[in-house]
Structure formats: C-alpha cells, structure tokens
Amino acid sequence: MTRNRPAIHAALAALALAAPPALADGGGIAAAAGNAAHAAFDIVAARITTEGRVATFTMSVAGTPGALLPEAAGQLGGAPVFSYVWPTTLDPATVGFEAGAGILAFAVTIHPDFDDTPLFDEDASGATSDDGATWHSHWVVLGPDPACGEGALKVVDIPEGTSPALPLTWPGLPILIDSPGWSPVFAGEGLSVRVPFADIGALDAAHFDGVTAALRVDANVHAPLLCVTDVFDVASGDLSLPGTIGQ
C-alpha cells in the first residue's frame, strides 16, 4: 500500500493537478473524492472549529475512517503507522514545544507494534503499554529530511545531548511528539477530536490542511526515527494550508 520514498514528491505534485478544493462554510476545506486509492483515506472535508477554549478537529472521507489498519511488522524497527493529520501554521510553542521548531500538526494515528501513550489506557486493558493498535491522538512537529526521501517529511528528531522545550505529556521518545490523550471519535464517514487550549486565541489567525498518510519507524531505530513514507491524500491538493478556523 505504500510507495517508495522518492515517489512522495511526485505524489504531491499529482494531487496538486486535481481540481482545487473549495473553502466550506466556516473556513473548512471541501475536496472532491477520488484522489486516494482507498476510500478510508480519501479526504472529502477537513475542518477545525472552536467553542470556548476547545477546538474540534474534524475530517470526513469517502469511506469509513479508521477501517484500514497497518499490518504489524512484529518489532519497533520498520513499524508502520497510519494517520489522519491536520498540519497547521500554529507555532509549536502553542502546545509546549520549542518556538519555531517546525510544522505543528495534530494527528490521529494507529501502529500495532508499539505504544507511545504511556500515560493512558486507551483500550481499557488495565495496562498503559499496549495501546498502539487503538486509534489515538498526538501533536507532532514535522520537518524535511533528505534521509526520508526526496521532498519527504519526518517527525523532528531530538538530537542527543539537547533538551528542547517539551509538553508535559511528551512520551519520552527522542522526537518532537506529544501524547495528550484526547480521544478520537469515529462516526459514519467522519472522525473528530476535541482539543482544549490554554490560549484559544492563538488559533484566530491560524491556517490548516488535511492529510492522510503512512509513516514508518527507521529499521535501525535511529534518527531520522519516524519518516512520512506515503501520502494518501491532501485536502487542498498541494499542502497550501488554505483552511481557516471556524466557530
């Protein structure tokens, strides 16, 4: 299901040739179906709305979101990750990372080979270390890295010996990732997550996009630790982040 890493840039270029999306009421992005091989990742709408201090991240697809799962690798090295992602223009400092560290994105992910939410028991098993195969949410900081392939992004690594600012719910991995525990809700053709903000005003001028993608842990489990290996669909077609925050 995944393409070779050098093909990611070409895939984004092909998506950009598709009919441009329309901005839906409230600044959300409306996109035509048919741009992804699998309906579960074929984005038709992406939105972020606010009410009080809570932002709701919503994505609708042509099929059933969450229905397609990655096949377990059996180990951390080479482990696949499937994701629904909202890249934003928010500064990473908004949620506790170092200012200017990269592209702040909210993501709903699943990866059966490892658990990266050590504070939470998403599957109610009585353990907090076995929940990777349950859909869950993250904040991540993304950035380019040629080691991931031409034009590809990664979750930004934390170099050994450095101590950047990190959110309180950072899961201890050597990458800029947060595991805040906000639970995704899947209903029909959509998924949504309610996310509280200390300063909801930070979203007033923000822009966003919607992306479905696969990532993979490096086979040798070293930097770059987590690369984007396949882009299934981009709501805007060209990752231009045209969406605005609605009420």
Protein backbone atom coordinates (compact mmCIF):
# COMPACT_ATOMS: atom_id res chain seq x y z
CA MET A 1 0.00 0.00 0.00
CA THR A 2 2.96 2.33 0.44
CA ARG A 3 5.01 3.92 -2.30
CA ASN A 4 8.79 4.18 -2.44
CA ARG A 5 10.03 7.22 -0.55
CA PRO A 6 11.29 9.13 -3.63
CA ALA A 7 7.76 8.98 -5.05
CA ILE A 8 6.27 11.14 -2.27
CA HIS A 9 7.18 14.40 -4.00
CA ALA A 10 5.68 13.15 -7.27
CA ALA A 11 2.53 12.08 -5.45
CA LEU A 12 2.05 15.56 -4.02
CA ALA A 13 2.60 17.07 -7.46
CA ALA A 14 -0.06 14.79 -8.93
CA LEU A 15 -2.51 15.75 -6.21
CA ALA A 16 -1.90 19.40 -6.98
CA LEU A 17 -3.17 18.80 -10.54
CA ALA A 18 -6.54 17.68 -9.21
CA ALA A 19 -9.48 20.09 -9.03
CA PRO A 20 -8.70 22.65 -6.32
CA PRO A 21 -10.71 22.36 -3.11
CA ALA A 22 -13.36 24.84 -2.08
CA LEU A 23 -13.39 26.53 1.29
CA ALA A 24 -16.52 25.31 3.05
CA ASP A 25 -18.61 27.42 5.41
CA GLY A 26 -16.58 28.41 8.44
CA GLY A 27 -13.24 28.10 6.65
CA GLY A 28 -13.15 24.32 6.34
CA ILE A 29 -11.73 22.62 3.24
CA ALA A 30 -14.06 20.71 0.89
CA ALA A 31 -12.36 18.33 -1.56
CA ALA A 32 -13.53 16.06 -4.36
CA ALA A 33 -13.46 12.32 -3.75
CA GLY A 34 -11.33 10.02 -5.87
CA ASN A 35 -7.81 11.21 -5.01
CA ALA A 36 -6.82 8.23 -2.86
CA ALA A 37 -6.63 4.53 -3.64
CA HIS A 38 -8.57 3.63 -0.51
CA ALA A 39 -11.84 5.32 0.48
CA ALA A 40 -10.87 5.23 4.16
CA PHE A 41 -8.12 7.76 3.38
CA ASP A 42 -9.89 9.69 0.58
CA ILE A 43 -10.49 13.12 2.14
CA VAL A 44 -13.68 15.00 1.22
CA ALA A 45 -13.60 17.61 4.00
CA ALA A 46 -11.38 18.89 6.81
CA ARG A 47 -12.35 21.43 9.45
CA ILE A 48 -11.19 22.99 12.70
CA THR A 49 -13.82 24.83 14.73
CA THR A 50 -13.73 26.39 18.19
CA GLU A 51 -16.17 26.74 21.05
CA GLY A 52 -14.92 28.38 24.21
CA ARG A 53 -11.41 27.05 24.87
CA VAL A 54 -11.95 23.83 22.88
CA ALA A 55 -11.06 23.27 19.23
CA THR A 56 -12.67 20.39 17.34
CA PHE A 57 -10.57 18.80 14.59
CA THR A 58 -12.80 17.05 12.04
CA MET A 59 -12.08 15.07 8.87
CA SER A 60 -14.54 13.34 6.53
CA VAL A 61 -13.57 10.71 3.97
CA ALA A 62 -15.27 8.92 1.08
CA GLY A 63 -15.39 5.65 3.04
CA THR A 64 -15.15 4.68 6.69
CA PRO A 65 -12.31 6.39 8.57
CA GLY A 66 -10.25 4.04 10.66
CA ALA A 67 -11.40 0.96 8.74
CA LEU A 68 -7.99 0.29 7.16
CA LEU A 69 -5.22 -0.74 9.56
CA PRO A 70 -1.47 -1.23 9.06
CA GLU A 71 -0.07 -4.74 9.11
CA ALA A 72 2.16 -5.28 12.14
CA ALA A 73 5.89 -5.60 11.48
CA GLY A 74 6.47 -7.57 14.69
CA GLN A 75 9.07 -5.14 16.03
CA LEU A 76 9.71 -1.44 16.51
CA GLY A 77 12.24 -1.18 13.66
CA GLY A 78 10.28 -0.80 10.44
CA ALA A 79 6.94 -0.48 12.25
CA PRO A 80 4.23 1.14 10.08
CA VAL A 81 1.95 3.98 11.22
CA PHE A 82 -1.32 5.10 9.59
CA SER A 83 -2.50 8.63 10.28
CA TYR A 84 -5.10 11.34 9.76
CA VAL A 85 -3.28 14.67 10.09
CA TRP A 86 -4.10 18.39 10.34
CA PRO A 87 -0.90 20.37 9.55
CA THR A 88 -1.22 23.93 10.87
CA THR A 89 0.52 27.28 10.87
CA LEU A 90 0.48 27.35 14.67
CA ASP A 91 3.84 27.85 16.33
CA PRO A 92 4.91 24.66 18.14
CA ALA A 93 5.26 26.74 21.32
CA THR A 94 1.44 26.93 21.38
CA VAL A 95 1.34 23.39 22.80
CA GLY A 96 4.66 23.34 24.67
CA PHE A 97 7.39 22.65 22.11
CA GLU A 98 10.30 24.94 21.27
CA ALA A 99 9.20 28.00 19.31
CA GLY A 100 9.89 27.74 15.57
CA ALA A 101 10.77 24.04 15.78
CA GLY A 102 8.90 23.09 12.59
CA ILE A 103 5.39 22.47 11.29
CA LEU A 104 2.96 21.80 14.15
CA ALA A 105 0.40 19.16 13.21
CA PHE A 106 -2.35 17.36 15.07
CA ALA A 107 -2.64 13.68 14.20
CA VAL A 108 -4.81 10.65 14.86
CA THR A 109 -2.66 7.54 14.46
CA ILE A 110 -2.50 3.78 14.87
CA HIS A 111 0.55 1.48 14.97
CA PRO A 112 0.19 -2.08 16.34
CA ASP A 113 3.91 -2.63 17.01
CA PHE A 114 4.48 -0.08 19.78
CA ASP A 115 2.76 2.14 22.35
CA ASP A 116 3.60 5.84 22.57
CA THR A 117 0.90 6.97 25.02
CA PRO A 118 2.39 5.77 28.33
CA LEU A 119 0.04 7.85 30.48
CA PHE A 120 -3.19 6.43 29.07
CA ASP A 121 -5.01 3.10 28.77
CA GLU A 122 -6.96 3.63 25.54
CA ASP A 123 -8.12 0.03 25.16
CA ALA A 124 -9.14 -0.36 28.84
CA SER A 125 -6.92 -3.45 29.20
CA GLY A 126 -5.60 -2.45 32.60
CA ALA A 127 -2.17 -1.60 31.15
CA THR A 128 -0.84 1.60 29.62
CA SER A 129 1.79 -0.06 27.44
CA ASP A 130 -0.31 -2.00 24.90
CA ASP A 131 -2.46 0.63 23.18
CA GLY A 132 -0.66 1.25 19.88
CA ALA A 133 -3.28 -0.76 17.99
CA THR A 134 -6.00 1.63 19.19
CA TRP A 135 -6.52 4.92 17.33
CA HIS A 136 -5.19 7.78 19.45
CA SER A 137 -4.05 11.40 19.11
CA HIS A 138 -0.74 13.28 19.04
CA TRP A 139 0.74 16.65 18.49
CA VAL A 140 3.83 16.31 16.28
CA VAL A 141 6.37 18.72 14.85
CA LEU A 142 7.22 17.95 11.23
CA GLY A 143 10.22 18.96 9.14
CA PRO A 144 12.02 17.94 5.93
CA ASP A 145 14.83 15.41 5.90
CA PRO A 146 16.51 14.07 2.73
CA ALA A 147 17.20 10.83 4.61
CA CYS A 148 13.46 10.16 4.45
CA GLY A 149 13.40 10.61 0.67
CA GLU A 150 13.15 13.46 -1.81
CA GLY A 151 10.64 16.05 -0.60
CA ALA A 152 9.66 13.89 2.39
CA LEU A 153 8.90 14.98 5.93
CA LYS A 154 9.71 13.42 9.28
CA VAL A 155 8.72 13.94 12.88
CA VAL A 156 11.60 16.14 14.01
CA ASP A 157 14.26 14.28 15.99
CA ILE A 158 15.70 15.46 19.32
CA PRO A 159 19.48 15.39 18.95
CA GLU A 160 21.33 13.52 21.66
CA GLY A 161 22.53 15.82 24.41
CA THR A 162 19.92 18.53 23.79
CA SER A 163 16.98 19.50 26.00
CA PRO A 164 14.36 21.37 23.95
CA ALA A 165 11.10 22.58 25.47
CA LEU A 166 8.57 19.72 25.51
CA PRO A 167 4.91 19.35 26.55
CA LEU A 168 4.17 17.76 29.92
CA THR A 169 2.70 14.71 28.16
CA TRP A 170 5.75 14.06 25.94
CA PRO A 171 6.00 10.23 25.82
CA GLY A 172 9.79 10.01 26.20
CA LEU A 173 10.66 9.26 22.58
CA PRO A 174 13.61 11.17 21.02
CA ILE A 175 11.30 13.08 18.65
CA LEU A 176 9.04 16.12 18.91
CA ILE A 177 5.80 14.32 19.73
CA ASP A 178 3.17 14.83 22.41
CA SER A 179 0.64 12.26 23.66
CA PRO A 180 -2.08 14.38 25.28
CA GLY A 181 -4.74 11.68 25.50
CA TRP A 182 -7.53 13.42 23.56
CA SER A 183 -9.71 10.58 22.24
CA PRO A 184 -10.77 10.49 18.55
CA VAL A 185 -14.43 9.78 17.83
CA PHE A 186 -15.32 7.84 14.67
CA ALA A 187 -18.87 8.17 13.35
CA GLY A 188 -20.04 7.27 9.86
CA GLU A 189 -17.71 8.87 7.32
CA GLY A 190 -16.09 11.25 9.78
CA LEU A 191 -13.73 11.42 12.71
CA SER A 192 -13.33 14.22 15.22
CA VAL A 193 -11.25 15.12 18.26
CA ARG A 194 -11.97 17.79 20.87
CA VAL A 195 -8.76 19.53 21.92
CA PRO A 196 -8.57 22.10 24.75
CA PHE A 197 -6.19 25.06 24.52
CA ALA A 198 -4.75 27.23 27.28
CA ASP A 199 -4.96 30.15 24.84
CA ILE A 200 -7.66 29.53 22.24
CA GLY A 201 -6.91 32.97 20.78
CA ALA A 202 -3.74 31.51 19.26
CA LEU A 203 -5.97 29.84 16.67
CA ASP A 204 -7.61 33.06 15.46
CA ALA A 205 -5.16 33.65 12.61
CA ALA A 206 -4.15 30.03 12.07
CA HIS A 207 -4.46 28.08 8.82
CA PHE A 208 -4.52 24.33 8.31
CA ASP A 209 -4.80 21.46 5.83
CA GLY A 210 -5.92 17.84 5.99
CA VAL A 211 -3.65 14.91 5.13
CA THR A 212 -3.89 11.13 5.28
CA ALA A 213 -0.54 9.39 5.32
CA ALA A 214 1.63 6.46 6.34
CA LEU A 215 4.81 6.77 8.36
CA ARG A 216 7.43 4.20 9.27
CA VAL A 217 9.92 3.83 12.10
CA ASP A 218 13.50 3.59 10.85
CA ALA A 219 14.54 -0.06 10.51
CA ASN A 220 17.57 0.62 12.71
CA VAL A 221 15.56 2.75 15.17
CA HIS A 222 17.74 5.85 14.88
CA ALA A 223 17.45 9.37 13.51
CA PRO A 224 15.52 10.04 11.44
CA LEU A 225 13.33 7.93 13.69
CA LEU A 226 9.93 8.43 12.06
CA CYS A 227 9.54 9.34 8.37
CA VAL A 228 6.48 10.01 6.27
CA THR A 229 6.67 7.23 3.68
CA ASP A 230 3.40 7.67 1.79
CA VAL A 231 0.91 10.49 1.30
CA PHE A 232 -2.52 9.04 0.56
CA ASP A 233 -4.43 12.31 0.12
CA VAL A 234 -4.16 16.05 0.80
CA ALA A 235 -7.37 18.05 1.26
CA SER A 236 -6.01 21.14 -0.53
CA GLY A 237 -4.24 19.09 -3.20
CA ASP A 238 -0.97 20.94 -2.70
CA LEU A 239 -0.45 21.29 1.05
CA SER A 240 -1.09 25.03 0.83
CA LEU A 241 -2.91 25.10 4.20
CA PRO A 242 -5.90 27.15 2.97
CA GLY A 243 -8.27 26.26 5.81
CA THR A 244 -9.19 28.83 8.44
CA ILE A 245 -10.57 28.28 11.92
CA GLY A 246 -14.37 28.43 12.17
CA GLN A 247 -16.81 28.90 15.03
